Amino acid sequence: MIDLEVPKKFVPLLKQASGLADEVFRPISRKYDLAEHEYPRELDLMSAVIDGLSDSGASQGAGARTTSGGSKEPAGVGAGSRGAKTKETVNGSNLSSVLSIMQTCRGDVGLTLSLPRQGLGNAAIAAVANDEQKERYGSKWAAMAITEPDTGSDSGAIRTTATKDGDEYVLNGEKIFVTSGERAELVVVWATLDRALGKKAIKSFVVRRDNPGLKLVRLEHKLGIRASDTAAFSLDNCRVPAEDLLGDPEIRTEGGFGGAMQTFDNTRPLVAAMAVGLTRASLDLTTELLAKAGLTADADAPLHTQPYAAARLLQMEADYEAAYLLTMRAAWMADNGKPNSMQASMAKAKAGRTCVDVALTCVQLCGATGYAETELLEKWARDSKILDIFEGTQQIQLLVVARRLLELSSSELK
């Protein structure tokens, strides 16, 4: 059974993450929002700190380790069942990741995404790579390239091709909206081995950023998370060693897309955690600003007896708690080898929607102060929207949840 208290072994990590948010990210947040595409050099030192935490066993790296047999072996065994005579449960790297990301995103989401070796591609590697590949890529920073100009939210409609040629695969296609694509050392590229077979032939490949066939087309100018670079690439006869295909190279007629989609089961709780962290930041600052203006919320009093702003704060706190708990559950399930596709989508849907609603409402409640650049509320409002879009839009998450609840396939419920 999940324990909703923060495991003791994660406390040092969360203190470090909280300090990172308050003492490093917040002071430079506005600087790199204005200096879009400039690499935040301050993060190099933070990367060294994270490496030290990883060496001590309190890793922020996402994803459960997967044995060569395909069973999940949670990374980092934590608190068990407190002596109960039941099957021991595990608090591993997925839970530690979401908890630490919640803290760092109180400071800045874009800077969190810019931390070296903490890319979404790293979670993809954790989800489907074999043991040898995890060892080989473990110290690298990996971005993830899924989206294409003509595929939208349908990952199964990927057109980028991978053709076997001796001991290599040759990749051709286009990828857009690649987070940390310019800065990362590796890019995990999703491609199809056979378009005629649809989703079942889709595999993921690790491509070195300096591969001459992987060409940077442009960096996007964005509404929010400007500290994080977002790249578009073309793959022109991009040759990749066969050993850099992640996981099983065979096309499986049953469940072939499952390995690739397991990536989302790991990454969606991470994005939900980003949204939860930003929501917490918005609520805390708004509560502080309203208190200075003489208005405080009373959790013990009926909402209709309180000023609108106070009542709205309490409603948003309730939404925050729901998003937090859903995110915790999805991560805990991943650590314990439980199928969490529906729960990951629930967490992402609830957290993303809550984050946008709370951030915009906080701007409204604080009036001119919320709208001005004197505070970070207006920036957080801009940052919030992407968290309801990337790693699967709100609509896609709800569709996944509906399919799971109704036990329908993607062809049966579109």
Protein backbone atom coordinates (compact mmCIF):
# COMPACT_ATOMS: atom_id res chain seq x y z
CA MET A 1 0.00 0.00 0.00
CA ILE A 2 1.28 3.46 -0.86
CA ASP A 3 2.47 5.53 2.08
CA LEU A 4 1.60 9.19 1.52
CA GLU A 5 4.40 10.43 3.78
CA VAL A 6 7.67 11.37 2.10
CA PRO A 7 10.07 8.43 2.63
CA LYS A 8 12.85 9.35 5.06
CA LYS A 9 15.56 8.39 2.60
CA PHE A 10 14.30 11.04 0.15
CA VAL A 11 14.35 13.90 2.68
CA PRO A 12 17.96 15.00 1.92
CA LEU A 13 17.20 15.00 -1.81
CA LEU A 14 14.07 17.11 -1.35
CA LYS A 15 15.91 19.58 0.86
CA GLN A 16 18.51 19.96 -1.87
CA ALA A 17 15.81 20.36 -4.52
CA SER A 18 13.95 22.93 -2.42
CA GLY A 19 17.15 24.89 -1.89
CA LEU A 20 17.86 24.71 -5.61
CA ALA A 21 14.44 26.19 -6.36
CA ASP A 22 14.66 29.02 -3.83
CA GLU A 23 18.33 29.93 -3.94
CA VAL A 24 19.34 29.24 -7.55
CA PHE A 25 16.31 29.03 -9.86
CA ARG A 26 14.18 31.88 -8.53
CA PRO A 27 16.98 34.50 -8.64
CA ILE A 28 17.84 33.72 -12.30
CA SER A 29 14.33 32.81 -13.50
CA ARG A 30 13.54 36.18 -15.04
CA LYS A 31 17.04 36.47 -16.52
CA TYR A 32 16.70 33.35 -18.67
CA ASP A 33 13.06 34.02 -19.48
CA LEU A 34 14.25 37.17 -21.20
CA ALA A 35 17.46 35.63 -22.62
CA GLU A 36 15.73 32.83 -24.54
CA HIS A 37 18.06 30.15 -25.98
CA GLU A 38 20.98 31.25 -23.78
CA TYR A 39 22.32 28.29 -21.84
CA PRO A 40 22.04 28.78 -18.03
CA ARG A 41 25.66 28.32 -17.00
CA GLU A 42 24.66 28.28 -13.34
CA LEU A 43 23.23 24.81 -13.89
CA ASP A 44 26.62 23.18 -14.47
CA LEU A 45 27.36 23.35 -10.74
CA MET A 46 23.91 22.03 -9.94
CA SER A 47 24.54 19.10 -12.24
CA ALA A 48 27.61 18.21 -10.19
CA VAL A 49 25.50 18.33 -7.02
CA ILE A 50 22.92 16.00 -8.57
CA ASP A 51 25.69 13.60 -9.58
CA GLY A 52 26.81 13.56 -5.98
CA LEU A 53 23.30 12.75 -4.81
CA SER A 54 23.08 9.97 -7.39
CA ASP A 55 26.33 8.46 -6.14
CA SER A 56 24.94 8.50 -2.61
CA GLY A 57 21.83 6.61 -3.72
CA ALA A 58 19.38 9.53 -3.69
CA SER A 59 19.09 9.78 -7.45
CA GLN A 60 16.77 12.14 -9.29
CA GLY A 61 17.01 10.09 -12.47
CA ALA A 62 13.65 8.99 -13.77
CA GLY A 63 12.39 5.54 -14.48
CA ALA A 64 12.59 2.06 -13.03
CA ARG A 65 15.42 -0.20 -14.07
CA THR A 66 14.30 -2.98 -16.35
CA THR A 67 16.05 -6.32 -16.30
CA SER A 68 16.96 -8.08 -19.52
CA GLY A 69 14.00 -10.38 -18.96
CA GLY A 70 11.63 -7.43 -19.05
CA SER A 71 10.54 -7.50 -15.41
CA LYS A 72 10.76 -4.27 -13.48
CA GLU A 73 13.37 -3.96 -10.79
CA PRO A 74 12.72 -0.74 -8.85
CA ALA A 75 15.71 1.56 -8.70
CA GLY A 76 16.52 2.32 -5.10
CA VAL A 77 14.58 0.35 -2.47
CA GLY A 78 12.94 2.62 0.05
CA ALA A 79 10.53 2.33 2.96
CA GLY A 80 8.62 -0.90 3.10
CA SER A 81 5.31 -1.77 4.68
CA ARG A 82 6.26 -0.69 8.20
CA GLY A 83 6.50 -4.22 9.53
CA ALA A 84 3.18 -5.46 8.17
CA LYS A 85 3.13 -9.05 7.00
CA THR A 86 2.31 -8.14 3.43
CA LYS A 87 4.32 -7.98 0.25
CA GLU A 88 7.01 -5.33 0.63
CA THR A 89 6.43 -2.20 -1.39
CA VAL A 90 9.10 0.01 -2.86
CA ASN A 91 9.74 3.72 -3.03
CA GLY A 92 12.16 4.00 -5.93
CA SER A 93 13.46 6.39 -8.54
CA ASN A 94 10.08 7.25 -10.05
CA LEU A 95 8.76 8.50 -6.71
CA SER A 96 11.98 10.31 -5.84
CA SER A 97 11.93 11.94 -9.28
CA VAL A 98 8.41 13.31 -9.03
CA LEU A 99 8.98 14.56 -5.48
CA SER A 100 12.20 16.36 -6.38
CA ILE A 101 10.74 17.78 -9.60
CA MET A 102 7.82 19.19 -7.63
CA GLN A 103 10.36 21.10 -5.58
CA THR A 104 12.57 22.37 -8.41
CA CYS A 105 9.55 23.49 -10.44
CA ARG A 106 8.53 25.75 -7.58
CA GLY A 107 11.54 27.68 -8.78
CA ASP A 108 11.38 27.38 -12.56
CA VAL A 109 10.06 24.74 -14.95
CA GLY A 110 12.31 25.74 -17.85
CA LEU A 111 15.43 25.58 -15.70
CA THR A 112 14.37 22.19 -14.36
CA LEU A 113 14.11 20.96 -17.95
CA SER A 114 17.56 22.40 -18.63
CA LEU A 115 19.37 20.41 -15.95
CA PRO A 116 22.05 18.29 -17.68
CA ARG A 117 21.42 14.54 -17.79
CA GLN A 118 17.84 14.94 -16.56
CA GLY A 119 16.12 14.91 -19.98
CA LEU A 120 12.92 13.17 -20.98
CA GLY A 121 15.04 10.96 -23.20
CA ASN A 122 16.68 9.59 -20.05
CA ALA A 123 13.27 8.40 -18.88
CA ALA A 124 12.74 6.79 -22.28
CA ILE A 125 16.01 4.91 -21.92
CA ALA A 126 15.03 3.81 -18.41
CA ALA A 127 11.71 2.51 -19.74
CA VAL A 128 12.81 0.28 -22.62
CA ALA A 129 16.61 -0.08 -22.81
CA ASN A 130 18.37 -3.31 -21.92
CA ASP A 131 20.92 -3.48 -19.12
CA GLU A 132 23.91 -2.98 -21.41
CA GLN A 133 22.34 0.10 -23.00
CA LYS A 134 21.48 1.60 -19.61
CA GLU A 135 25.07 1.17 -18.54
CA ARG A 136 26.33 2.75 -21.76
CA TYR A 137 23.97 5.73 -21.73
CA GLY A 138 23.70 6.18 -17.97
CA SER A 139 25.92 9.27 -17.71
CA LYS A 140 24.59 10.99 -20.85
CA TRP A 141 21.99 13.74 -21.29
CA ALA A 142 19.22 12.50 -23.59
CA ALA A 143 16.42 14.45 -25.27
CA MET A 144 13.39 12.73 -26.79
CA ALA A 145 12.14 13.22 -30.38
CA ILE A 146 8.62 11.92 -31.01
CA THR A 147 6.46 14.65 -32.55
CA GLU A 148 6.44 15.23 -36.31
CA PRO A 149 4.91 18.00 -38.43
CA ASP A 150 2.06 15.84 -39.74
CA THR A 151 1.36 13.46 -36.85
CA GLY A 152 0.13 15.76 -34.07
CA SER A 153 -0.74 13.80 -30.93
CA ASP A 154 -0.93 10.43 -32.68
CA SER A 155 2.43 8.85 -31.88
CA GLY A 156 1.36 5.75 -33.76
CA ALA A 157 1.29 7.69 -37.03
CA ILE A 158 5.03 8.39 -37.02
CA ARG A 159 6.50 8.68 -40.52
CA THR A 160 10.21 8.80 -39.74
CA THR A 161 11.64 5.56 -41.12
CA ALA A 162 14.43 3.29 -39.95
CA THR A 163 15.81 0.95 -42.62
CA LYS A 164 18.24 -1.84 -41.70
CA ASP A 165 21.50 -1.70 -43.65
CA GLY A 166 24.02 -4.23 -42.42
CA ASP A 167 24.99 -3.41 -38.86
CA GLU A 168 23.27 -0.04 -38.99
CA TYR A 169 19.85 1.55 -39.29
CA VAL A 170 19.34 4.48 -41.64
CA LEU A 171 16.87 7.06 -40.30
CA ASN A 172 14.99 9.57 -42.47
CA GLY A 173 12.31 12.04 -41.42
CA GLU A 174 11.55 15.18 -39.41
CA LYS A 175 11.11 15.83 -35.69
CA ILE A 176 9.76 18.94 -33.99
CA PHE A 177 9.30 20.21 -30.43
CA VAL A 178 12.33 18.34 -29.07
CA THR A 179 12.92 19.58 -25.52
CA SER A 180 16.64 20.22 -24.86
CA GLY A 181 17.34 19.06 -28.40
CA GLU A 182 20.22 21.48 -28.99
CA ARG A 183 21.94 20.97 -25.61
CA ALA A 184 21.56 17.23 -25.03
CA GLU A 185 24.30 14.74 -25.89
CA LEU A 186 21.84 12.15 -27.21
CA VAL A 187 18.43 12.25 -28.87
CA VAL A 188 16.04 9.31 -28.53
CA VAL A 189 14.31 9.22 -31.92
CA TRP A 190 11.09 7.30 -32.53
CA ALA A 191 10.89 5.76 -36.00
CA THR A 192 9.08 2.99 -37.81
CA LEU A 193 10.69 -0.13 -39.26
CA ASP A 194 7.72 -0.65 -41.57
CA ARG A 195 5.01 1.96 -42.18
CA ALA A 196 2.60 -0.69 -43.42
CA LEU A 197 2.56 -2.34 -39.99
CA GLY A 198 1.54 0.83 -38.17
CA LYS A 199 2.24 1.15 -34.44
CA LYS A 200 3.69 -2.33 -34.05
CA ALA A 201 6.79 -1.44 -36.06
CA ILE A 202 7.68 1.71 -34.12
CA LYS A 203 10.97 1.59 -32.24
CA SER A 204 13.16 4.12 -30.49
CA PHE A 205 16.80 4.78 -31.41
CA VAL A 206 19.56 6.59 -29.56
CA VAL A 207 21.20 9.11 -31.88
CA ARG A 208 24.31 11.04 -30.91
CA ARG A 209 23.75 14.77 -31.10
CA ASP A 210 26.89 15.16 -33.26
CA ASN A 211 25.70 12.57 -35.80
CA PRO A 212 26.06 14.31 -39.21
CA GLY A 213 22.69 12.93 -40.33
CA LEU A 214 20.87 14.69 -37.46
CA LYS A 215 20.55 18.30 -38.56
CA LEU A 216 19.24 21.13 -36.37
CA VAL A 217 16.66 23.08 -38.39
CA ARG A 218 15.66 25.74 -35.84
CA LEU A 219 15.05 26.61 -32.22
CA GLU A 220 11.48 27.59 -31.36
CA HIS A 221 10.46 30.92 -29.80
CA LYS A 222 7.90 30.07 -27.14
CA LEU A 223 5.23 31.48 -24.85
CA GLY A 224 6.81 29.95 -21.76
CA ILE A 225 9.62 27.74 -20.39
CA ARG A 226 12.00 29.94 -22.38
CA ALA A 227 15.03 28.81 -20.39
CA SER A 228 14.60 25.41 -22.03
CA ASP A 229 15.55 25.07 -25.70
CA THR A 230 13.01 23.44 -28.02
CA ALA A 231 14.45 22.18 -31.30
CA ALA A 232 13.35 20.94 -34.70
CA PHE A 233 15.47 18.37 -36.55
CA SER A 234 15.71 16.70 -39.91
CA LEU A 235 17.13 13.19 -40.24
CA ASP A 236 18.81 12.79 -43.60
CA ASN A 237 20.26 9.31 -44.10
CA CYS A 238 21.18 9.36 -40.42
CA ARG A 239 23.16 6.18 -39.75
CA VAL A 240 22.82 4.63 -36.31
CA PRO A 241 24.53 1.43 -35.08
CA ALA A 242 22.09 -1.45 -34.69
CA GLU A 243 23.04 -1.71 -31.02
CA ASP A 244 21.52 1.74 -30.48
CA LEU A 245 17.99 0.51 -31.12
CA LEU A 246 16.48 0.51 -27.64
CA GLY A 247 15.17 -2.80 -26.34
CA ASP A 248 13.87 -5.56 -28.58
CA PRO A 249 14.71 -5.13 -32.32
CA GLU A 250 12.05 -7.62 -33.41
CA ILE A 251 8.64 -6.52 -34.69
CA ARG A 252 6.02 -8.14 -32.48
CA THR A 253 2.57 -8.64 -33.96
CA GLU A 254 1.10 -8.49 -30.46
CA GLY A 255 1.98 -5.64 -28.14
CA GLY A 256 4.79 -4.36 -30.33
CA PHE A 257 4.03 -0.73 -29.51
CA GLY A 258 3.90 -1.43 -25.80
CA GLY A 259 7.61 -1.02 -25.20
CA ALA A 260 7.65 2.39 -26.83
CA MET A 261 4.49 3.49 -25.05
CA GLN A 262 5.94 2.43 -21.69
CA THR A 263 8.08 5.53 -22.08
CA PHE A 264 4.97 7.65 -21.49
CA ASP A 265 4.10 5.67 -18.37
CA ASN A 266 7.40 6.94 -16.96
CA THR A 267 7.43 10.48 -18.37
CA ARG A 268 3.81 11.54 -17.86
CA PRO A 269 4.08 11.43 -14.06
CA LEU A 270 7.21 13.57 -14.37
CA VAL A 271 5.34 16.23 -16.36
CA ALA A 272 2.47 15.99 -13.88
CA ALA A 273 5.03 16.65 -11.14
CA MET A 274 6.22 19.76 -12.98
CA ALA A 275 2.64 21.02 -13.04
CA VAL A 276 2.14 20.23 -9.36
CA GLY A 277 5.30 22.15 -8.47
CA LEU A 278 4.30 25.21 -10.47
CA THR A 279 0.80 25.07 -8.96
CA ARG A 280 2.31 25.04 -5.46
CA ALA A 281 4.48 28.05 -6.29
CA SER A 282 1.52 30.03 -7.62
CA LEU A 283 -0.64 29.25 -4.60
CA ASP A 284 2.08 30.09 -2.10
CA LEU A 285 2.94 33.44 -3.64
CA THR A 286 -0.69 34.42 -4.11
CA THR A 287 -1.51 33.50 -0.51
CA GLU A 288 1.43 35.65 0.62
CA LEU A 289 0.43 38.64 -1.53
CA LEU A 290 -3.20 38.50 -0.46
CA ALA A 291 -2.18 38.23 3.19
CA LYS A 292 -0.16 41.44 2.81
CA ALA A 293 -3.34 43.04 1.51
CA GLY A 294 -5.20 41.86 4.62
CA LEU A 295 -7.01 38.85 3.19
CA THR A 296 -6.53 35.30 4.50
CA ALA A 297 -8.48 32.12 3.83
CA ASP A 298 -10.10 30.15 6.67
CA ALA A 299 -10.15 26.43 5.92
CA ASP A 300 -12.61 25.82 8.77
CA ALA A 301 -15.24 28.31 7.60
CA PRO A 302 -17.85 27.70 4.87
CA LEU A 303 -16.78 29.05 1.50
CA HIS A 304 -19.90 31.20 1.06
CA THR A 305 -19.06 33.16 4.22
CA GLN A 306 -15.64 34.23 2.92
CA PRO A 307 -14.52 36.78 0.33
CA TYR A 308 -14.31 35.44 -3.22
CA ALA A 309 -10.51 35.46 -3.29
CA ALA A 310 -10.28 33.46 -0.05
CA ALA A 311 -12.90 30.95 -1.19
CA ARG A 312 -11.19 30.55 -4.54
CA LEU A 313 -7.84 29.90 -2.86
CA LEU A 314 -9.36 27.06 -0.85
CA GLN A 315 -10.94 25.54 -3.95
CA MET A 316 -7.60 25.64 -5.74
CA GLU A 317 -5.87 24.04 -2.76
CA ALA A 318 -8.28 21.12 -3.07
CA ASP A 319 -7.47 20.75 -6.77
CA TYR A 320 -3.77 20.87 -5.93
CA GLU A 321 -4.12 18.05 -3.41
CA ALA A 322 -5.95 15.87 -5.96
CA ALA A 323 -3.24 16.45 -8.58
CA TYR A 324 -0.49 15.76 -6.04
CA LEU A 325 -1.98 12.47 -4.90
CA LEU A 326 -2.66 11.23 -8.43
CA THR A 327 0.94 11.97 -9.38
CA MET A 328 2.28 10.18 -6.32
CA ARG A 329 0.16 7.12 -7.09
CA ALA A 330 1.28 6.89 -10.72
CA ALA A 331 4.95 7.11 -9.72
CA TRP A 332 4.59 4.61 -6.87
CA MET A 333 2.89 2.12 -9.19
CA ALA A 334 5.79 2.41 -11.66
CA ASP A 335 8.27 1.72 -8.87
CA ASN A 336 6.34 -1.39 -7.84
CA GLY A 337 5.96 -2.88 -11.31
CA LYS A 338 2.23 -2.22 -11.50
CA PRO A 339 0.66 -1.23 -14.86
CA ASN A 340 0.09 2.50 -14.53
CA SER A 341 -0.86 3.71 -18.00
CA MET A 342 -4.31 4.91 -16.92
CA GLN A 343 -3.03 6.39 -13.66
CA ALA A 344 -0.18 8.19 -15.46
CA SER A 345 -2.69 9.76 -17.84
CA MET A 346 -5.03 10.65 -14.97
CA ALA A 347 -2.18 12.40 -13.17
CA LYS A 348 -1.04 14.25 -16.28
CA ALA A 349 -4.60 15.33 -17.17
CA LYS A 350 -5.52 16.53 -13.69
CA ALA A 351 -2.20 18.22 -12.93
CA GLY A 352 -1.96 19.95 -16.31
CA ARG A 353 -5.48 21.35 -16.18
CA THR A 354 -5.12 22.37 -12.53
CA CYS A 355 -1.83 24.12 -13.19
CA VAL A 356 -3.24 26.30 -15.99
CA ASP A 357 -6.38 27.11 -14.03
CA VAL A 358 -4.51 27.99 -10.84
CA ALA A 359 -1.78 30.03 -12.54
CA LEU A 360 -4.26 32.16 -14.48
CA THR A 361 -6.56 32.57 -11.49
CA CYS A 362 -3.66 33.66 -9.29
CA VAL A 363 -2.81 36.37 -11.81
CA GLN A 364 -6.44 37.49 -11.69
CA LEU A 365 -6.67 37.48 -7.89
CA CYS A 366 -3.54 39.59 -7.56
CA GLY A 367 -4.71 42.15 -10.12
CA ALA A 368 -2.09 44.55 -11.45
CA THR A 369 0.56 42.90 -9.25
CA GLY A 370 -0.17 39.52 -10.80
CA TYR A 371 -0.04 40.87 -14.33
CA ALA A 372 3.18 42.86 -13.92
CA GLU A 373 6.74 41.61 -14.20
CA THR A 374 7.45 42.71 -10.62
CA GLU A 375 6.38 39.20 -9.56
CA LEU A 376 6.76 35.80 -11.23
CA LEU A 377 3.02 35.10 -11.41
CA GLU A 378 2.70 36.32 -15.00
CA LYS A 379 5.66 34.18 -16.03
CA TRP A 380 4.24 31.13 -14.29
CA ALA A 381 0.97 31.68 -16.12
CA ARG A 382 2.86 31.54 -19.42
CA ASP A 383 4.90 28.53 -18.34
CA SER A 384 1.83 26.60 -17.22
CA LYS A 385 0.25 26.07 -20.62
CA ILE A 386 2.91 23.75 -22.01
CA LEU A 387 2.39 21.38 -19.07
CA ASP A 388 -1.12 20.72 -20.33
CA ILE A 389 0.17 20.08 -23.86
CA PHE A 390 3.46 18.20 -24.12
CA GLU A 391 3.83 14.47 -23.35
CA GLY A 392 0.26 14.14 -24.63
CA THR A 393 -2.38 16.87 -24.62
CA GLN A 394 -5.23 17.08 -22.13
CA GLN A 395 -7.56 15.56 -24.73
CA ILE A 396 -5.22 12.63 -25.40
CA GLN A 397 -4.92 11.88 -21.67
CA LEU A 398 -8.70 11.78 -21.29
CA LEU A 399 -8.92 9.51 -24.31
CA VAL A 400 -6.38 7.09 -22.80
CA VAL A 401 -8.29 7.05 -19.52
CA ALA A 402 -11.59 6.39 -21.32
CA ARG A 403 -10.09 3.50 -23.29
CA ARG A 404 -8.76 1.91 -20.10
CA LEU A 405 -12.00 2.31 -18.20
CA LEU A 406 -14.14 1.02 -21.07
CA GLU A 407 -11.59 -1.65 -22.06
CA LEU A 408 -11.58 -0.50 -25.67
CA SER A 409 -8.68 -0.40 -28.12
CA SER A 410 -7.44 2.68 -29.92
CA SER A 411 -9.23 1.51 -33.08
CA GLU A 412 -12.49 1.09 -31.17
CA LEU A 413 -12.39 4.47 -29.42
CA LYS A 414 -10.76 7.30 -31.36
